Protein backbone atom coordinates (compact mmCIF):
# COMPACT_ATOMS: atom_id res chain seq x y z
CA MET A 1 0.00 0.00 0.00
CA ARG A 2 2.82 2.42 0.87
CA LYS A 3 4.49 1.79 -2.50
CA LEU A 4 1.21 2.56 -4.28
CA LYS A 5 0.86 5.88 -2.46
CA VAL A 6 4.43 6.84 -3.39
CA TYR A 7 3.76 5.83 -7.00
CA VAL A 8 0.54 7.87 -7.22
CA ALA A 9 2.23 10.86 -5.60
CA SER A 10 5.11 10.57 -8.08
CA ILE A 11 2.72 10.55 -11.04
CA ALA A 12 0.88 13.58 -9.68
CA ILE A 13 4.17 15.48 -9.27
CA LEU A 14 5.27 14.58 -12.79
CA GLN A 15 1.95 15.77 -14.19
CA LEU A 16 2.31 19.06 -12.35
CA LEU A 17 5.86 19.50 -13.64
CA ASN A 18 4.78 18.81 -17.23
CA ALA A 19 1.63 20.94 -17.05
CA PRO A 20 1.62 24.15 -19.09
CA ALA A 21 2.78 27.14 -17.07
CA LYS A 22 -0.08 29.30 -15.83
CA ALA A 23 2.04 31.91 -14.10
CA GLN A 24 4.40 34.40 -15.66
CA ASP A 25 7.82 32.86 -16.38
CA ILE A 26 10.70 34.15 -14.20
CA TYR A 27 13.39 33.23 -16.75
CA PRO A 28 13.38 36.57 -18.69
CA VAL A 29 14.01 38.66 -15.55
CA TYR A 30 16.65 36.19 -14.42
CA ARG A 31 18.47 36.60 -17.76
CA GLN A 32 18.30 40.40 -17.45
CA ALA A 33 19.79 40.20 -13.97
CA GLU A 34 22.59 38.00 -15.28
CA THR A 35 23.67 40.81 -17.61
CA TYR A 36 23.73 43.37 -14.78
CA ILE A 37 25.50 40.96 -12.40
CA THR A 38 28.21 40.18 -14.96
CA PHE A 39 28.80 43.89 -15.59
CA LEU A 40 28.98 44.71 -11.86
CA GLN A 41 31.39 41.85 -11.15
CA GLU A 42 33.62 42.87 -14.05
CA LYS A 43 33.74 46.41 -12.61
CA GLU A 44 34.56 44.87 -9.20
CA TYR A 45 31.50 46.07 -7.31
CA GLU A 46 30.26 43.97 -4.42
CA ILE A 47 26.67 42.77 -4.80
CA VAL A 48 24.95 42.70 -1.40
CA ARG A 49 21.37 41.85 -2.40
CA ILE A 50 19.60 40.26 -5.34
CA GLU A 51 15.86 39.87 -5.17
CA TYR A 52 13.18 38.64 -7.58
CA ASP A 53 9.44 38.71 -7.01
CA LEU A 54 6.11 39.13 -8.71
CA LEU A 55 5.04 42.72 -9.22
CA PHE A 56 1.46 43.89 -9.77
CA SER A 57 1.72 47.52 -8.65
CA SER A 58 4.53 48.10 -6.13
CA LYS A 59 6.84 46.18 -3.80
CA SER A 60 9.29 47.25 -1.13
CA SER A 61 12.46 45.78 0.28
CA VAL A 62 14.35 47.00 3.37
CA ARG A 63 18.07 46.87 4.07
CA THR A 64 20.51 48.61 6.39
CA LEU A 65 23.08 50.66 4.47
CA THR A 66 26.27 51.99 6.03
CA SER A 67 28.10 55.26 5.56
CA ALA A 68 31.27 53.38 4.57
CA TYR A 69 30.11 52.77 0.98
CA ASN A 70 28.64 54.36 -2.11
CA TYR A 71 25.64 52.23 -3.05
CA GLY A 72 23.92 51.57 -6.32
CA ILE A 73 20.43 50.12 -6.64
CA ILE A 74 19.10 48.80 -9.95
CA ALA A 75 15.46 47.77 -10.43
CA PHE A 76 14.07 46.23 -13.60
CA GLY A 77 10.97 44.47 -14.82
CA ASP A 78 10.51 41.39 -16.94
CA LYS A 79 10.79 42.72 -20.51
CA ASN A 80 8.01 40.41 -21.68
CA ALA A 81 5.43 41.83 -19.25
CA ILE A 82 6.64 45.11 -17.79
CA GLU A 83 7.57 48.03 -20.01
CA SER A 84 9.08 50.22 -17.28
CA VAL A 85 9.48 50.54 -13.52
CA ASP A 86 10.20 53.37 -11.11
CA LEU A 87 12.53 53.15 -8.11
CA ILE A 88 12.16 55.27 -4.98
CA VAL A 89 14.57 55.00 -2.05
CA TYR A 90 13.50 56.02 1.47
CA ARG A 91 15.50 56.33 4.71
CA LYS A 92 13.91 55.45 8.03
CA SER A 93 13.65 58.37 10.44
CA GLY A 94 11.90 57.42 13.67
CA ASP A 95 8.57 55.95 12.59
CA ASP A 96 8.61 57.71 9.20
CA TRP A 97 10.26 57.02 5.85
CA ILE A 98 11.91 60.04 4.20
CA GLU A 99 12.47 59.99 0.45
CA GLU A 100 16.20 60.06 -0.34
CA ALA A 101 16.38 59.43 -4.09
CA ARG A 102 14.33 58.31 -7.07
CA ASP A 103 14.59 57.26 -10.69
CA ILE A 104 11.37 57.53 -12.61
CA VAL A 105 12.89 58.41 -15.97
CA SER A 106 14.83 55.48 -17.49
CA PRO A 107 12.75 53.22 -19.75
CA GLU A 108 14.92 50.06 -19.55
CA PHE A 109 15.61 50.01 -15.81
CA ALA A 110 15.62 52.31 -12.83
CA SER A 111 18.78 53.13 -10.90
CA VAL A 112 19.82 55.22 -7.93
CA VAL A 113 23.26 55.96 -6.49
CA LEU A 114 23.64 57.20 -2.93
CA ARG A 115 26.08 57.46 -0.06
CA PRO A 116 24.36 57.30 3.32
CA GLU A 117 25.44 59.97 5.80
CA ARG A 118 25.07 57.42 8.60
CA ASN A 119 24.09 53.80 9.09
CA ASP A 120 20.32 53.56 8.62
CA GLU A 121 17.56 51.38 7.32
CA TYR A 122 16.59 52.09 3.72
CA ARG A 123 13.50 50.99 1.84
CA PHE A 124 13.64 50.40 -1.90
CA GLU A 125 10.22 50.70 -3.52
CA VAL A 126 9.74 49.38 -7.05
CA LYS A 127 6.60 50.53 -8.86
CA VAL A 128 5.24 49.52 -12.23
CA ARG A 129 5.09 52.56 -14.47
CA LYS A 130 3.67 50.67 -17.44
CA PHE A 131 2.78 47.07 -18.30
CA LYS A 132 3.02 45.69 -21.80
CA THR A 133 -0.32 45.20 -23.53
CA GLY A 134 -2.22 42.23 -22.10
CA PHE A 135 -0.29 42.04 -18.83
CA THR A 136 -1.30 43.05 -15.32
CA GLY A 137 1.66 41.49 -13.54
CA GLY A 138 5.18 40.30 -14.09
CA TYR A 139 8.46 39.65 -12.34
CA TYR A 140 10.89 42.32 -11.22
CA GLY A 141 14.45 42.20 -10.00
CA ILE A 142 16.42 44.47 -7.74
CA ILE A 143 20.18 44.47 -7.24
CA VAL A 144 21.93 46.40 -4.46
CA PHE A 145 25.68 46.81 -4.75
CA HIS A 146 28.50 49.00 -3.45
CA ASP A 147 32.05 50.01 -4.18
CA PHE A 148 35.00 49.28 -1.94
CA PRO A 149 36.33 52.02 0.35
CA GLU A 150 39.58 53.61 -0.75
CA ASP A 151 42.53 52.95 1.55
């Protein structure tokens, strides 16, 4: 009986794996990130966060940044589903979030460069500016990186 249950479960899993995809495919945004990652590594930047998620309107991610580095943040949407995204960076101040920087201009990706004055929590908000025709959601990626302090 136990073998039969394992067999039936295995068939069900195989059917699920071979079923046509119903959700948006993450592969295009992964390939875009690969291009940015390769470029950043060749320029000897240190990547400190890579994040992928589904995006329907906006998403936020929080990270502590230190005053020891100049940071870059790149946000991008799946080119098959998302035409453009905006990136807004906020710094935590008490219970509030104060806007520090934004990129709402670039069509291919959004990017911000900043050097924190002190160690603080920062929130990176990615917003869909425009979906491609027929889409109401898609994947996005965000990459946070920094330079190395000069000796």
